[in-house]
Amino acid sequence: MGTLTRQAIETLGFASVGDNVLIDDAARFYGVQRITIGSNVRVDAYCVLSAGPGGIVIGNHVHLAVYVSLIGAGRIEIKDFGNISGRVSIYSSTDDFHGQGLTGPTVPAKLRNVLNAPVTIGRHVVIGTGSVILPGVEIGDGASVGALSLIKRNVQPFMIVAGPKARVIGERTKDFLKLEAKLHSEPH
């Protein structure tokens, strides 16, 4: 096991891929032609990115830790400096759990009642281990989601939320914005 070579990454057929991208060879991609990956991105082992018609867009300086899942027909976007911890699942589609349709991908679409809605993860967002993000959610720039949280509604910028009800527990400082400016201004 290791990381894919640049040639192997290009062979997969992504919509586009930036520079300095590390993808573990145990990661899996579906709808790869609808996936865009920026520069300085790392995708760890056992990640699953399944892009429906809305596609998946990953910005620059993004890390997807082990077992991250990005799945759904709606667009999923992770903006620059996003950090998605292990076992986080982000869904842009969900079956109907109220009984108004049949469930599961083996059932014809006309008998299902699937909700598809975009998910946007803002710049500098940190999502803790084991969290689940549901369709239609926007997590604002600089927000932080604690481990094992269920996010089913928007999170305001720079807020820290945690738990199954995503209760606000604080506000992040904006010190990291100065560090971003320093990163962009200094030669590497």
Foldseek 3Di string as FASTA:
>chain_A
DAWDDPVVVVVVQACEEEEQETEGPQEEEAPRPQEAYYYLEYEDHQEYEHEACQGEYEEYCEYHEHNEYEDENHYEYEYAQEYEYPQEYEYQKDWDPPPQADDDPVDDPVRTDMHGAYEYEEHNEYEEANEYEYHPEYEYDLEYEYHNEYHDYYHYHQFYFYDPVRDTDGGHDPVVVVVVVVVVPDDD
